[in-house]
PDB file of N, CA and C in Angstrom:
ATOM      1  N   UNK A   1    -138.880  60.223 104.997  1.00  0.00           N
ATOM      2  CA  UNK A   1    -138.025  60.003 106.097  1.00  0.00           C
ATOM      3  C   UNK A   1    -138.822  59.163 107.164  1.00  0.00           C
ATOM      4  N   UNK A   2    -138.056  58.228 107.765  1.00  0.00           N
ATOM      5  CA  UNK A   2    -138.658  57.284 108.702  1.00  0.00           C
ATOM      6  C   UNK A   2    -138.336  57.827 110.039  1.00  0.00           C
ATOM      7  N   UNK A   3    -139.193  57.950 111.064  1.00  0.00           N
ATOM      8  CA  UNK A   3    -138.987  58.383 112.309  1.00  0.00           C
ATOM      9  C   UNK A   3    -139.514  57.286 113.326  1.00  0.00           C
ATOM     10  N   UNK A   4    -138.865  57.126 114.427  1.00  0.00           N
ATOM     11  CA  UNK A   4    -139.154  56.235 115.524  1.00  0.00           C
ATOM     12  C   UNK A   4    -139.585  54.808 115.087  1.00  0.00           C
ATOM     13  N   UNK A   5    -138.700  54.306 114.392  1.00  0.00           N
ATOM     14  CA  UNK A   5    -138.716  52.884 113.870  1.00  0.00           C
ATOM     15  C   UNK A   5    -138.779  51.936 114.992  1.00  0.00           C
ATOM     16  N   UNK A   6    -139.726  51.028 115.066  1.00  0.00           N
ATOM     17  CA  UNK A   6    -139.840  49.999 116.145  1.00  0.00           C
ATOM     18  C   UNK A   6    -140.142  48.642 115.439  1.00  0.00           C
ATOM     19  N   UNK A   7    -139.684  47.553 116.125  1.00  0.00           N
ATOM     20  CA  UNK A   7    -139.987  46.204 115.585  1.00  0.00           C
ATOM     21  C   UNK A   7    -140.107  45.294 116.761  1.00  0.00           C
ATOM     22  N   UNK A   8    -140.900  44.325 116.510  1.00  0.00           N
ATOM     23  CA  UNK A   8    -141.105  43.144 117.477  1.00  0.00           C
ATOM     24  C   UNK A   8    -141.277  41.901 116.659  1.00  0.00           C
ATOM     25  N   UNK A   9    -140.915  40.700 117.267  1.00  0.00           N
ATOM     26  CA  UNK A   9    -141.085  39.479 116.631  1.00  0.00           C
ATOM     27  C   UNK A   9    -142.674  39.251 116.338  1.00  0.00           C
ATOM     28  N   UNK A  10    -142.820  38.724 115.112  1.00  0.00           N
ATOM     29  CA  UNK A  10    -144.193  38.316 114.785  1.00  0.00           C
ATOM     30  C   UNK A  10    -144.719  37.119 115.551  1.00  0.00           C
ATOM     31  N   UNK A  11    -143.876  36.213 116.020  1.00  0.00           N
ATOM     32  CA  UNK A  11    -144.359  35.053 116.627  1.00  0.00           C
ATOM     33  C   UNK A  11    -143.786  35.037 118.067  1.00  0.00           C
ATOM     34  N   UNK A  12    -144.316  34.237 118.995  1.00  0.00           N
ATOM     35  CA  UNK A  12    -143.848  34.177 120.277  1.00  0.00           C
ATOM     36  C   UNK A  12    -142.589  33.480 120.333  1.00  0.00           C
ATOM     37  N   UNK A  13    -142.367  32.426 119.447  1.00  0.00           N
ATOM     38  CA  UNK A  13    -141.060  31.637 119.347  1.00  0.00           C
ATOM     39  C   UNK A  13    -140.295  32.622 118.514  1.00  0.00           C
ATOM     40  N   UNK A  14    -139.276  33.298 119.095  1.00  0.00           N
ATOM     41  CA  UNK A  14    -138.441  34.208 118.354  1.00  0.00           C
ATOM     42  C   UNK A  14    -137.595  33.507 117.396  1.00  0.00           C
ATOM     43  N   UNK A  15    -137.400  32.277 117.303  1.00  0.00           N
ATOM     44  CA  UNK A  15    -136.699  31.589 116.372  1.00  0.00           C
ATOM     45  C   UNK A  15    -137.289  31.541 115.003  1.00  0.00           C
ATOM     46  N   UNK A  16    -138.572  31.721 114.958  1.00  0.00           N
ATOM     47  CA  UNK A  16    -139.410  31.818 113.646  1.00  0.00           C
ATOM     48  C   UNK A  16    -139.232  33.315 113.249  1.00  0.00           C
ATOM     49  N   UNK A  17    -138.669  33.363 112.014  1.00  0.00           N
ATOM     50  CA  UNK A  17    -138.544  34.839 111.398  1.00  0.00           C
ATOM     51  C   UNK A  17    -139.879  35.382 110.993  1.00  0.00           C
ATOM     52  N   UNK A  18    -139.815  36.598 111.177  1.00  0.00           N
ATOM     53  CA  UNK A  18    -141.124  37.516 110.832  1.00  0.00           C
ATOM     54  C   UNK A  18    -141.221  38.516 111.846  1.00  0.00           C
ATOM     55  N   UNK A  19    -141.411  39.825 111.605  1.00  0.00           N
ATOM     56  CA  UNK A  19    -141.495  40.876 112.419  1.00  0.00           C
ATOM     57  C   UNK A  19    -142.543  41.916 112.086  1.00  0.00           C
ATOM     58  N   UNK A  20    -143.266  42.489 113.128  1.00  0.00           N
ATOM     59  CA  UNK A  20    -144.101  43.595 113.056  1.00  0.00           C
ATOM     60  C   UNK A  20    -143.175  44.886 113.081  1.00  0.00           C
ATOM     61  N   UNK A  21    -143.466  45.879 112.363  1.00  0.00           N
ATOM     62  CA  UNK A  21    -142.737  47.010 112.369  1.00  0.00           C
ATOM     63  C   UNK A  21    -143.690  48.204 112.406  1.00  0.00           C
ATOM     64  N   UNK A  22    -143.176  49.246 112.930  1.00  0.00           N
ATOM     65  CA  UNK A  22    -143.970  50.602 112.832  1.00  0.00           C
ATOM     66  C   UNK A  22    -143.083  51.660 112.800  1.00  0.00           C
ATOM     67  N   UNK A  23    -143.504  52.851 112.272  1.00  0.00           N
ATOM     68  CA  UNK A  23    -142.710  54.122 112.142  1.00  0.00           C
ATOM     69  C   UNK A  23    -143.704  55.253 111.734  1.00  0.00           C
ATOM     70  N   UNK A  24    -143.107  56.451 111.948  1.00  0.00           N
ATOM     71  CA  UNK A  24    -143.879  57.489 111.453  1.00  0.00           C
ATOM     72  C   UNK A  24    -143.400  58.227 110.272  1.00  0.00           C
ATOM     73  N   UNK A  25    -144.210  58.542 109.319  1.00  0.00           N
ATOM     74  CA  UNK A  25    -143.895  59.058 108.050  1.00  0.00           C
ATOM     75  C   UNK A  25    -144.809  60.155 107.839  1.00  0.00           C
ATOM     76  N   UNK A  26    -144.429  61.322 107.590  1.00  0.00           N
ATOM     77  CA  UNK A  26    -145.374  62.424 107.266  1.00  0.00           C
ATOM     78  C   UNK A  26    -146.483  62.639 108.248  1.00  0.00           C
ATOM     79  N   UNK A  27    -145.993  62.545 109.552  1.00  0.00           N
ATOM     80  CA  UNK A  27    -146.934  62.710 110.659  1.00  0.00           C
ATOM     81  C   UNK A  27    -148.006  61.541 110.872  1.00  0.00           C
ATOM     82  N   UNK A  28    -147.829  60.511 110.174  1.00  0.00           N
ATOM     83  CA  UNK A  28    -148.803  59.288 110.270  1.00  0.00           C
ATOM     84  C   UNK A  28    -147.995  58.087 110.605  1.00  0.00           C
ATOM     85  N   UNK A  29    -148.624  57.400 111.583  1.00  0.00           N
ATOM     86  CA  UNK A  29    -148.083  56.061 111.929  1.00  0.00           C
ATOM     87  C   UNK A  29    -148.213  55.009 110.882  1.00  0.00           C
ATOM     88  N   UNK A  30    -147.259  54.429 110.452  1.00  0.00           N
ATOM     89  CA  UNK A  30    -147.268  53.346 109.375  1.00  0.00           C
ATOM     90  C   UNK A  30    -146.792  51.972 110.045  1.00  0.00           C
ATOM     91  N   UNK A  31    -147.592  50.995 109.869  1.00  0.00           N
ATOM     92  CA  UNK A  31    -147.272  49.693 110.323  1.00  0.00           C
ATOM     93  C   UNK A  31    -147.214  48.636 109.131  1.00  0.00           C
ATOM     94  N   UNK A  32    -146.607  47.555 109.366  1.00  0.00           N
ATOM     95  CA  UNK A  32    -146.531  46.434 108.467  1.00  0.00           C
ATOM     96  C   UNK A  32    -145.754  45.270 109.071  1.00  0.00           C
ATOM     97  N   UNK A  33    -145.628  44.252 108.180  1.00  0.00           N
ATOM     98  CA  UNK A  33    -145.071  42.993 108.454  1.00  0.00           C
ATOM     99  C   UNK A  33    -143.853  42.754 107.558  1.00  0.00           C
ATOM    100  N   UNK A  34    -142.674  42.455 108.191  1.00  0.00           N
ATOM    101  CA  UNK A  34    -141.397  42.226 107.516  1.00  0.00           C
ATOM    102  C   UNK A  34    -141.311  40.653 107.504  1.00  0.00           C
ATOM    103  N   UNK A  35    -141.438  40.070 106.355  1.00  0.00           N
ATOM    104  CA  UNK A  35    -141.398  38.673 106.164  1.00  0.00           C
ATOM    105  C   UNK A  35    -139.828  38.111 105.967  1.00  0.00           C
ATOM    106  N   UNK A  36    -139.682  36.838 106.327  1.00  0.00           N
ATOM    107  CA  UNK A  36    -138.272  36.309 106.192  1.00  0.00           C
ATOM    108  C   UNK A  36    -137.629  36.478 104.854  1.00  0.00           C
ATOM    109  N   UNK A  37    -138.404  36.510 103.857  1.00  0.00           N
ATOM    110  CA  UNK A  37    -137.963  36.601 102.457  1.00  0.00           C
ATOM    111  C   UNK A  37    -137.574  38.060 102.093  1.00  0.00           C
ATOM    112  N   UNK A  38    -138.021  39.029 103.025  1.00  0.00           N
ATOM    113  CA  UNK A  38    -137.653  40.461 102.826  1.00  0.00           C
ATOM    114  C   UNK A  38    -138.950  41.096 102.306  1.00  0.00           C
ATOM    115  N   UNK A  39    -139.875  40.351 102.006  1.00  0.00           N
ATOM    116  CA  UNK A  39    -141.277  40.968 101.520  1.00  0.00           C
ATOM    117  C   UNK A  39    -141.795  41.833 102.639  1.00  0.00           C
ATOM    118  N   UNK A  40    -142.274  43.008 102.254  1.00  0.00           N
ATOM    119  CA  UNK A  40    -142.997  43.914 103.230  1.00  0.00           C
ATOM    120  C   UNK A  40    -144.375  43.981 102.874  1.00  0.00           C
ATOM    121  N   UNK A  41    -145.227  43.683 103.937  1.00  0.00           N
ATOM    122  CA  UNK A  41    -146.748  43.621 103.735  1.00  0.00           C
ATOM    123  C   UNK A  41    -147.187  44.953 104.667  1.00  0.00           C
ATOM    124  N   UNK A  42    -147.653  46.010 103.876  1.00  0.00           N
ATOM    125  CA  UNK A  42    -148.076  47.076 104.665  1.00  0.00           C
ATOM    126  C   UNK A  42    -149.433  46.699 105.343  1.00  0.00           C
ATOM    127  N   UNK A  43    -149.697  47.160 106.585  1.00  0.00           N
ATOM    128  CA  UNK A  43    -150.958  46.920 107.280  1.00  0.00           C
ATOM    129  C   UNK A  43    -151.857  48.256 107.551  1.00  0.00           C
ATOM    130  N   UNK A  44    -151.237  49.288 107.955  1.00  0.00           N
ATOM    131  CA  UNK A  44    -151.985  50.537 108.163  1.00  0.00           C
ATOM    132  C   UNK A  44    -151.286  51.676 107.579  1.00  0.00           C
ATOM    133  N   UNK A  45    -152.009  52.663 107.049  1.00  0.00           N
ATOM    134  CA  UNK A  45    -151.559  53.918 106.440  1.00  0.00           C
ATOM    135  C   UNK A  45    -150.416  53.625 105.259  1.00  0.00           C
ATOM    136  N   UNK A  46    -150.873  52.762 104.392  1.00  0.00           N
ATOM    137  CA  UNK A  46    -149.946  52.411 103.348  1.00  0.00           C
ATOM    138  C   UNK A  46    -149.391  53.712 102.558  1.00  0.00           C
ATOM    139  N   UNK A  47    -148.002  53.744 102.482  1.00  0.00           N
ATOM    140  CA  UNK A  47    -147.450  54.908 101.824  1.00  0.00           C
ATOM    141  C   UNK A  47    -147.905  54.944 100.379  1.00  0.00           C
ATOM    142  N   UNK A  48    -147.815  56.194  99.872  1.00  0.00           N
ATOM    143  CA  UNK A  48    -148.135  56.315  98.425  1.00  0.00           C
ATOM    144  C   UNK A  48    -147.199  55.556  97.517  1.00  0.00           C
ATOM    145  N   UNK A  49    -147.646  55.168  96.404  1.00  0.00           N
ATOM    146  CA  UNK A  49    -146.990  54.215  95.536  1.00  0.00           C
ATOM    147  C   UNK A  49    -145.643  54.768  95.177  1.00  0.00           C
ATOM    148  N   UNK A  50    -145.336  56.094  94.905  1.00  0.00           N
ATOM    149  CA  UNK A  50    -144.172  56.653  94.539  1.00  0.00           C
ATOM    150  C   UNK A  50    -143.142  56.712  95.719  1.00  0.00           C
ATOM    151  N   UNK A  51    -143.700  56.459  97.000  1.00  0.00           N
ATOM    152  CA  UNK A  51    -142.742  56.546  98.251  1.00  0.00           C
ATOM    153  C   UNK A  51    -142.392  55.018  98.638  1.00  0.00           C
ATOM    154  N   UNK A  52    -143.074  54.012  98.161  1.00  0.00           N
ATOM    155  CA  UNK A  52    -142.888  52.714  98.611  1.00  0.00           C
ATOM    156  C   UNK A  52    -141.447  52.115  98.417  1.00  0.00           C
ATOM    157  N   UNK A  53    -140.920  52.471  97.273  1.00  0.00           N
ATOM    158  CA  UNK A  53    -139.564  51.815  96.955  1.00  0.00           C
ATOM    159  C   UNK A  53    -138.487  52.433  97.881  1.00  0.00           C
ATOM    160  N   UNK A  54    -138.522  53.811  98.082  1.00  0.00           N
ATOM    161  CA  UNK A  54    -137.602  54.435  99.014  1.00  0.00           C
ATOM    162  C   UNK A  54    -137.634  54.106 100.501  1.00  0.00           C
ATOM    163  N   UNK A  55    -138.980  54.001 100.891  1.00  0.00           N
ATOM    164  CA  UNK A  55    -139.321  53.547 102.277  1.00  0.00           C
ATOM    165  C   UNK A  55    -138.784  52.028 102.435  1.00  0.00           C
ATOM    166  N   UNK A  56    -139.177  51.225 101.455  1.00  0.00           N
ATOM    167  CA  UNK A  56    -138.765  49.734 101.526  1.00  0.00           C
ATOM    168  C   UNK A  56    -137.280  49.667 101.660  1.00  0.00           C
ATOM    169  N   UNK A  57    -136.467  50.442 101.006  1.00  0.00           N
ATOM    170  CA  UNK A  57    -135.127  50.353 101.105  1.00  0.00           C
ATOM    171  C   UNK A  57    -134.630  50.797 102.429  1.00  0.00           C
ATOM    172  N   UNK A  58    -135.173  51.781 102.937  1.00  0.00           N
ATOM    173  CA  UNK A  58    -134.771  52.307 104.277  1.00  0.00           C
ATOM    174  C   UNK A  58    -135.198  51.114 105.371  1.00  0.00           C
ATOM    175  N   UNK A  59    -136.344  50.564 105.124  1.00  0.00           N
ATOM    176  CA  UNK A  59    -136.657  49.408 106.134  1.00  0.00           C
ATOM    177  C   UNK A  59    -135.777  48.164 106.009  1.00  0.00           C
ATOM    178  N   UNK A  60    -135.332  47.948 104.789  1.00  0.00           N
ATOM    179  CA  UNK A  60    -134.455  46.759 104.574  1.00  0.00           C
ATOM    180  C   UNK A  60    -133.136  47.128 105.398  1.00  0.00           C
ATOM    181  N   UNK A  61    -132.583  48.434 105.217  1.00  0.00           N
ATOM    182  CA  UNK A  61    -131.306  48.669 105.963  1.00  0.00           C
ATOM    183  C   UNK A  61    -131.544  48.558 107.379  1.00  0.00           C
ATOM    184  N   UNK A  62    -132.692  49.131 108.008  1.00  0.00           N
ATOM    185  CA  UNK A  62    -132.935  49.050 109.425  1.00  0.00           C
ATOM    186  C   UNK A  62    -133.054  47.554 109.828  1.00  0.00           C
ATOM    187  N   UNK A  63    -133.581  46.743 109.099  1.00  0.00           N
ATOM    188  CA  UNK A  63    -133.814  45.360 109.479  1.00  0.00           C
ATOM    189  C   UNK A  63    -132.446  44.771 109.491  1.00  0.00           C
ATOM    190  N   UNK A  64    -131.528  45.101 108.522  1.00  0.00           N
ATOM    191  CA  UNK A  64    -130.117  44.439 108.540  1.00  0.00           C
ATOM    192  C   UNK A  64    -129.405  44.868 109.793  1.00  0.00           C
ATOM    193  N   UNK A  65    -129.551  46.203 110.186  1.00  0.00           N
ATOM    194  CA  UNK A  65    -128.895  46.665 111.388  1.00  0.00           C
ATOM    195  C   UNK A  65    -129.460  46.061 112.652  1.00  0.00           C
ATOM    196  N   UNK A  66    -130.761  46.011 112.782  1.00  0.00           N
ATOM    197  CA  UNK A  66    -131.343  45.600 114.012  1.00  0.00           C
ATOM    198  C   UNK A  66    -131.551  44.065 114.177  1.00  0.00           C
ATOM    199  N   UNK A  67    -131.757  43.371 113.160  1.00  0.00           N
ATOM    200  CA  UNK A  67    -132.014  41.826 113.180  1.00  0.00           C
ATOM    201  C   UNK A  67    -130.833  41.047 112.809  1.00  0.00           C
ATOM    202  N   UNK A  68    -130.249  41.298 111.729  1.00  0.00           N
ATOM    203  CA  UNK A  68    -129.302  40.486 111.114  1.00  0.00           C
ATOM    204  C   UNK A  68    -127.780  40.897 111.353  1.00  0.00           C
ATOM    205  N   UNK A  69    -127.624  41.679 112.397  1.00  0.00           N
ATOM    206  CA  UNK A  69    -126.326  42.212 112.607  1.00  0.00           C
ATOM    207  C   UNK A  69    -125.307  41.228 112.946  1.00  0.00           C
TER     208      UNK A  69
END
């Protein structure tokens, strides 16, 4: 489960796609980069391999809601 999802543009020019995101999962802060292509680059506290697919799916849904609405 993702808690306290936050995102901000990766670049000062907000017209260039790319976002930094963070959230809490299992009481740990997880951060990453969401690229224009939908690729997720984990930067801190990378989730376990068996959780990555489910968390990636949730992040894609959140990005659709927050960025591409």
